[in-house]
Amino acid sequence: MSKSIGMALLAVGIALIIFGIKASDSLGSDASRFFTGTPTDKSMWLLIGGIAVTTAGAFATMRKA
C-alpha cells in the first residue's frame, strides 16, 4: 500500500514542479523579478512544495515493505 502512495506522491510532486516552472515564466513573475529581483511567492511555493512532495514520494516508493 505504501508503494502506491509513494507513486501518487511522486506524480503530484512532479506536477507541482511543472506548474511552478510555468508560473515562474509568467508575465506576473517577470514583472516581480524586474522590480524586486525575485519571482512571485506562488511560483516559489509551488517549486518548494513540488520538491518536498517528490522527495517524500521517492522515499516512500524505495522503502522496503
PDB file of N, CA and C in Angstrom:
ATOM      1  N   MET A   1       0.816  -1.190   0.000  1.00  0.00           N
ATOM      2  CA  MET A   1       0.000   0.000   0.000  1.00  0.00           C
ATOM      3  C   MET A   1       0.867   1.265   0.000  1.00  0.00           C
ATOM      4  N   SER A   2       1.991   1.240   0.702  1.00  0.00           N
ATOM      5  CA  SER A   2       2.819   2.439   0.789  1.00  0.00           C
ATOM      6  C   SER A   2       3.496   2.743  -0.544  1.00  0.00           C
ATOM      7  N   LYS A   3       3.752   1.712  -1.353  1.00  0.00           N
ATOM      8  CA  LYS A   3       4.355   1.965  -2.657  1.00  0.00           C
ATOM      9  C   LYS A   3       3.390   2.704  -3.573  1.00  0.00           C
ATOM     10  N   SER A   4       2.107   2.384  -3.507  1.00  0.00           N
ATOM     11  CA  SER A   4       1.143   3.094  -4.341  1.00  0.00           C
ATOM     12  C   SER A   4       0.983   4.543  -3.876  1.00  0.00           C
ATOM     13  N   ILE A   5       1.052   4.773  -2.570  1.00  0.00           N
ATOM     14  CA  ILE A   5       1.000   6.138  -2.055  1.00  0.00           C
ATOM     15  C   ILE A   5       2.259   6.891  -2.481  1.00  0.00           C
ATOM     16  N   GLY A   6       3.393   6.222  -2.447  1.00  0.00           N
ATOM     17  CA  GLY A   6       4.645   6.832  -2.882  1.00  0.00           C
ATOM     18  C   GLY A   6       4.618   7.211  -4.348  1.00  0.00           C
ATOM     19  N   MET A   7       4.058   6.353  -5.175  1.00  0.00           N
ATOM     20  CA  MET A   7       3.955   6.662  -6.603  1.00  0.00           C
ATOM     21  C   MET A   7       3.010   7.843  -6.832  1.00  0.00           C
ATOM     22  N   ALA A   8       1.917   7.894  -6.075  1.00  0.00           N
ATOM     23  CA  ALA A   8       0.991   9.022  -6.189  1.00  0.00           C
ATOM     24  C   ALA A   8       1.671  10.319  -5.758  1.00  0.00           C
ATOM     25  N   LEU A   9       2.456  10.274  -4.691  1.00  0.00           N
ATOM     26  CA  LEU A   9       3.182  11.454  -4.245  1.00  0.00           C
ATOM     27  C   LEU A   9       4.202  11.907  -5.286  1.00  0.00           C
ATOM     28  N   LEU A  10       4.857  10.942  -5.920  1.00  0.00           N
ATOM     29  CA  LEU A  10       5.794  11.291  -6.990  1.00  0.00           C
ATOM     30  C   LEU A  10       5.082  12.021  -8.125  1.00  0.00           C
ATOM     31  N   ALA A  11       3.941  11.511  -8.521  1.00  0.00           N
ATOM     32  CA  ALA A  11       3.193  12.133  -9.619  1.00  0.00           C
ATOM     33  C   ALA A  11       2.734  13.540  -9.246  1.00  0.00           C
ATOM     34  N   VAL A  12       2.228  13.704  -8.033  1.00  0.00           N
ATOM     35  CA  VAL A  12       1.771  15.019  -7.580  1.00  0.00           C
ATOM     36  C   VAL A  12       2.954  15.983  -7.478  1.00  0.00           C
ATOM     37  N   GLY A  13       4.074  15.499  -6.974  1.00  0.00           N
ATOM     38  CA  GLY A  13       5.257  16.346  -6.849  1.00  0.00           C
ATOM     39  C   GLY A  13       5.785  16.819  -8.192  1.00  0.00           C
ATOM     40  N   ILE A  14       5.808  15.929  -9.162  1.00  0.00           N
ATOM     41  CA  ILE A  14       6.264  16.306 -10.499  1.00  0.00           C
ATOM     42  C   ILE A  14       5.304  17.321 -11.114  1.00  0.00           C
ATOM     43  N   ALA A  15       4.019  17.133 -10.902  1.00  0.00           N
ATOM     44  CA  ALA A  15       3.038  18.094 -11.424  1.00  0.00           C
ATOM     45  C   ALA A  15       3.231  19.468 -10.771  1.00  0.00           C
ATOM     46  N   LEU A  16       3.483  19.496  -9.466  1.00  0.00           N
ATOM     47  CA  LEU A  16       3.712  20.774  -8.786  1.00  0.00           C
ATOM     48  C   LEU A  16       4.969  21.466  -9.315  1.00  0.00           C
ATOM     49  N   ILE A  17       6.016  20.699  -9.584  1.00  0.00           N
ATOM     50  CA  ILE A  17       7.241  21.280 -10.134  1.00  0.00           C
ATOM     51  C   ILE A  17       6.976  21.876 -11.514  1.00  0.00           C
ATOM     52  N   ILE A  18       6.216  21.166 -12.335  1.00  0.00           N
ATOM     53  CA  ILE A  18       5.897  21.674 -13.672  1.00  0.00           C
ATOM     54  C   ILE A  18       5.083  22.960 -13.576  1.00  0.00           C
ATOM     55  N   PHE A  19       4.079  22.979 -12.696  1.00  0.00           N
ATOM     56  CA  PHE A  19       3.284  24.199 -12.511  1.00  0.00           C
ATOM     57  C   PHE A  19       4.143  25.350 -11.973  1.00  0.00           C
ATOM     58  N   GLY A  20       5.084  25.035 -11.097  1.00  0.00           N
ATOM     59  CA  GLY A  20       5.974  26.063 -10.559  1.00  0.00           C
ATOM     60  C   GLY A  20       6.882  26.652 -11.621  1.00  0.00           C
ATOM     61  N   ILE A  21       7.369  25.812 -12.515  1.00  0.00           N
ATOM     62  CA  ILE A  21       8.219  26.305 -13.602  1.00  0.00           C
ATOM     63  C   ILE A  21       7.404  27.190 -14.542  1.00  0.00           C
ATOM     64  N   LYS A  22       6.185  26.757 -14.846  1.00  0.00           N
ATOM     65  CA  LYS A  22       5.335  27.575 -15.711  1.00  0.00           C
ATOM     66  C   LYS A  22       4.970  28.895 -15.031  1.00  0.00           C
ATOM     67  N   ALA A  23       4.733  28.872 -13.727  1.00  0.00           N
ATOM     68  CA  ALA A  23       4.394  30.103 -13.009  1.00  0.00           C
ATOM     69  C   ALA A  23       5.592  31.045 -12.940  1.00  0.00           C
ATOM     70  N   SER A  24       6.797  30.505 -12.872  1.00  0.00           N
ATOM     71  CA  SER A  24       7.975  31.370 -12.815  1.00  0.00           C
ATOM     72  C   SER A  24       8.285  31.996 -14.167  1.00  0.00           C
ATOM     73  N   ASP A  25       7.754  31.432 -15.254  1.00  0.00           N
ATOM     74  CA  ASP A  25       7.936  32.004 -16.582  1.00  0.00           C
ATOM     75  C   ASP A  25       6.797  32.926 -16.991  1.00  0.00           C
ATOM     76  N   SER A  26       5.860  33.196 -16.093  1.00  0.00           N
ATOM     77  CA  SER A  26       4.691  34.013 -16.435  1.00  0.00           C
ATOM     78  C   SER A  26       5.043  35.501 -16.456  1.00  0.00           C
ATOM     79  N   LEU A  27       4.143  36.287 -17.013  1.00  0.00           N
ATOM     80  CA  LEU A  27       4.335  37.733 -17.099  1.00  0.00           C
ATOM     81  C   LEU A  27       4.373  38.371 -15.711  1.00  0.00           C
ATOM     82  N   GLY A  28       3.516  37.902 -14.815  1.00  0.00           N
ATOM     83  CA  GLY A  28       3.499  38.439 -13.455  1.00  0.00           C
ATOM     84  C   GLY A  28       4.794  38.174 -12.719  1.00  0.00           C
ATOM     85  N   SER A  29       5.345  37.001 -12.915  1.00  0.00           N
ATOM     86  CA  SER A  29       6.607  36.668 -12.278  1.00  0.00           C
ATOM     87  C   SER A  29       7.753  37.470 -12.889  1.00  0.00           C
ATOM     88  N   ASP A  30       7.680  37.721 -14.204  1.00  0.00           N
ATOM     89  CA  ASP A  30       8.698  38.553 -14.846  1.00  0.00           C
ATOM     90  C   ASP A  30       8.665  39.976 -14.306  1.00  0.00           C
ATOM     91  N   ALA A  31       7.457  40.505 -14.102  1.00  0.00           N
ATOM     92  CA  ALA A  31       7.328  41.852 -13.548  1.00  0.00           C
ATOM     93  C   ALA A  31       7.847  41.897 -12.112  1.00  0.00           C
ATOM     94  N   SER A  32       7.519  40.882 -11.331  1.00  0.00           N
ATOM     95  CA  SER A  32       8.006  40.823  -9.955  1.00  0.00           C
ATOM     96  C   SER A  32       9.527  40.706  -9.928  1.00  0.00           C
ATOM     97  N   ARG A  33      10.071  39.918 -10.812  1.00  0.00           N
ATOM     98  CA  ARG A  33      11.520  39.741 -10.886  1.00  0.00           C
ATOM     99  C   ARG A  33      12.192  41.059 -11.298  1.00  0.00           C
ATOM    100  N   PHE A  34      11.553  41.838 -12.172  1.00  0.00           N
ATOM    101  CA  PHE A  34      12.108  43.122 -12.612  1.00  0.00           C
ATOM    102  C   PHE A  34      12.185  44.118 -11.459  1.00  0.00           C
ATOM    103  N   PHE A  35      11.120  44.192 -10.663  1.00  0.00           N
ATOM    104  CA  PHE A  35      11.070  45.189  -9.601  1.00  0.00           C
ATOM    105  C   PHE A  35      11.738  44.728  -8.306  1.00  0.00           C
ATOM    106  N   THR A  36      11.609  43.471  -7.958  1.00  0.00           N
ATOM    107  CA  THR A  36      12.136  43.012  -6.675  1.00  0.00           C
ATOM    108  C   THR A  36      13.360  42.112  -6.795  1.00  0.00           C
ATOM    109  N   GLY A  37      13.595  41.557  -7.962  1.00  0.00           N
ATOM    110  CA  GLY A  37      14.732  40.660  -8.152  1.00  0.00           C
ATOM    111  C   GLY A  37      14.414  39.208  -7.853  1.00  0.00           C
ATOM    112  N   THR A  38      13.191  38.927  -7.401  1.00  0.00           N
ATOM    113  CA  THR A  38      12.800  37.550  -7.098  1.00  0.00           C
ATOM    114  C   THR A  38      11.488  37.217  -7.816  1.00  0.00           C
ATOM    115  N   PRO A  39      11.265  35.955  -8.134  1.00  0.00           N
ATOM    116  CA  PRO A  39       9.973  35.584  -8.733  1.00  0.00           C
ATOM    117  C   PRO A  39       8.851  35.667  -7.696  1.00  0.00           C
ATOM    118  N   THR A  40       7.624  35.459  -8.120  1.00  0.00           N
ATOM    119  CA  THR A  40       6.475  35.566  -7.211  1.00  0.00           C
ATOM    120  C   THR A  40       6.513  34.472  -6.150  1.00  0.00           C
ATOM    121  N   ASP A  41       5.814  34.738  -5.053  1.00  0.00           N
ATOM    122  CA  ASP A  41       5.750  33.763  -3.965  1.00  0.00           C
ATOM    123  C   ASP A  41       5.061  32.481  -4.417  1.00  0.00           C
ATOM    124  N   LYS A  42       4.053  32.610  -5.267  1.00  0.00           N
ATOM    125  CA  LYS A  42       3.314  31.433  -5.732  1.00  0.00           C
ATOM    126  C   LYS A  42       4.241  30.459  -6.454  1.00  0.00           C
ATOM    127  N   SER A  43       5.063  30.974  -7.347  1.00  0.00           N
ATOM    128  CA  SER A  43       5.950  30.081  -8.085  1.00  0.00           C
ATOM    129  C   SER A  43       6.986  29.438  -7.161  1.00  0.00           C
ATOM    130  N   MET A  44       7.468  30.204  -6.186  1.00  0.00           N
ATOM    131  CA  MET A  44       8.450  29.645  -5.251  1.00  0.00           C
ATOM    132  C   MET A  44       7.824  28.546  -4.389  1.00  0.00           C
ATOM    133  N   TRP A  45       6.600  28.766  -3.898  1.00  0.00           N
ATOM    134  CA  TRP A  45       5.947  27.753  -3.067  1.00  0.00           C
ATOM    135  C   TRP A  45       5.608  26.506  -3.869  1.00  0.00           C
ATOM    136  N   LEU A  46       5.233  26.684  -5.136  1.00  0.00           N
ATOM    137  CA  LEU A  46       4.961  25.518  -5.974  1.00  0.00           C
ATOM    138  C   LEU A  46       6.227  24.693  -6.185  1.00  0.00           C
ATOM    139  N   LEU A  47       7.338  25.357  -6.442  1.00  0.00           N
ATOM    140  CA  LEU A  47       8.599  24.635  -6.642  1.00  0.00           C
ATOM    141  C   LEU A  47       9.075  23.958  -5.358  1.00  0.00           C
ATOM    142  N   ILE A  48       9.028  24.671  -4.245  1.00  0.00           N
ATOM    143  CA  ILE A  48       9.475  24.099  -2.969  1.00  0.00           C
ATOM    144  C   ILE A  48       8.569  22.936  -2.559  1.00  0.00           C
ATOM    145  N   GLY A  49       7.265  23.122  -2.693  1.00  0.00           N
ATOM    146  CA  GLY A  49       6.330  22.039  -2.364  1.00  0.00           C
ATOM    147  C   GLY A  49       6.502  20.841  -3.276  1.00  0.00           C
ATOM    148  N   GLY A  50       6.720  21.095  -4.562  1.00  0.00           N
ATOM    149  CA  GLY A  50       6.930  20.004  -5.508  1.00  0.00           C
ATOM    150  C   GLY A  50       8.174  19.198  -5.191  1.00  0.00           C
ATOM    151  N   ILE A  51       9.243  19.885  -4.834  1.00  0.00           N
ATOM    152  CA  ILE A  51      10.475  19.182  -4.477  1.00  0.00           C
ATOM    153  C   ILE A  51      10.271  18.362  -3.203  1.00  0.00           C
ATOM    154  N   ALA A  52       9.592  18.934  -2.218  1.00  0.00           N
ATOM    155  CA  ALA A  52       9.358  18.218  -0.958  1.00  0.00           C
ATOM    156  C   ALA A  52       8.477  16.987  -1.169  1.00  0.00           C
ATOM    157  N   VAL A  53       7.403  17.138  -1.931  1.00  0.00           N
ATOM    158  CA  VAL A  53       6.490  16.016  -2.153  1.00  0.00           C
ATOM    159  C   VAL A  53       7.153  14.943  -3.016  1.00  0.00           C
ATOM    160  N   THR A  54       7.943  15.349  -4.002  1.00  0.00           N
ATOM    161  CA  THR A  54       8.661  14.383  -4.831  1.00  0.00           C
ATOM    162  C   THR A  54       9.668  13.601  -4.001  1.00  0.00           C
ATOM    163  N   THR A  55      10.363  14.269  -3.105  1.00  0.00           N
ATOM    164  CA  THR A  55      11.334  13.603  -2.231  1.00  0.00           C
ATOM    165  C   THR A  55      10.620  12.600  -1.316  1.00  0.00           C
ATOM    166  N   ALA A  56       9.508  13.013  -0.730  1.00  0.00           N
ATOM    167  CA  ALA A  56       8.758  12.114   0.146  1.00  0.00           C
ATOM    168  C   ALA A  56       8.234  10.904  -0.652  1.00  0.00           C
ATOM    169  N   GLY A  57       7.761  11.150  -1.854  1.00  0.00           N
ATOM    170  CA  GLY A  57       7.289  10.056  -2.694  1.00  0.00           C
ATOM    171  C   GLY A  57       8.398   9.092  -3.086  1.00  0.00           C
ATOM    172  N   ALA A  58       9.579   9.632  -3.360  1.00  0.00           N
ATOM    173  CA  ALA A  58      10.702   8.770  -3.714  1.00  0.00           C
ATOM    174  C   ALA A  58      11.107   7.885  -2.534  1.00  0.00           C
ATOM    175  N   PHE A  59      11.148   8.465  -1.343  1.00  0.00           N
ATOM    176  CA  PHE A  59      11.486   7.660  -0.163  1.00  0.00           C
ATOM    177  C   PHE A  59      10.414   6.616   0.125  1.00  0.00           C
ATOM    178  N   ALA A  60       9.149   6.968  -0.029  1.00  0.00           N
ATOM    179  CA  ALA A  60       8.077   6.018   0.228  1.00  0.00           C
ATOM    180  C   ALA A  60       8.070   4.892  -0.807  1.00  0.00           C
ATOM    181  N   THR A  61       8.450   5.204  -2.039  1.00  0.00           N
ATOM    182  CA  THR A  61       8.481   4.190  -3.084  1.00  0.00           C
ATOM    183  C   THR A  61       9.652   3.246  -2.906  1.00  0.00           C
ATOM    184  N   MET A  62      10.801   3.761  -2.492  1.00  0.00           N
ATOM    185  CA  MET A  62      12.006   2.937  -2.383  1.00  0.00           C
ATOM    186  C   MET A  62      12.095   2.174  -1.066  1.00  0.00           C
ATOM    187  N   ARG A  63      11.281   2.551  -0.094  1.00  0.00           N
ATOM    188  CA  ARG A  63      11.319   1.894   1.197  1.00  0.00           C
ATOM    189  C   ARG A  63      10.823   0.450   1.086  1.00  0.00           C
ATOM    190  N   LYS A  64      11.454  -0.443   1.798  1.00  0.00           N
ATOM    191  CA  LYS A  64      11.023  -1.844   1.772  1.00  0.00           C
ATOM    192  C   LYS A  64       9.742  -2.011   2.564  1.00  0.00           C
ATOM    193  N   ALA A  65       8.883  -2.866   2.061  1.00  0.00           N
ATOM    194  CA  ALA A  65       7.568  -3.075   2.701  1.00  0.00           C
ATOM    195  C   ALA A  65       7.663  -3.916   3.943  1.00  0.00           C
TER     196      ALA A  65
END
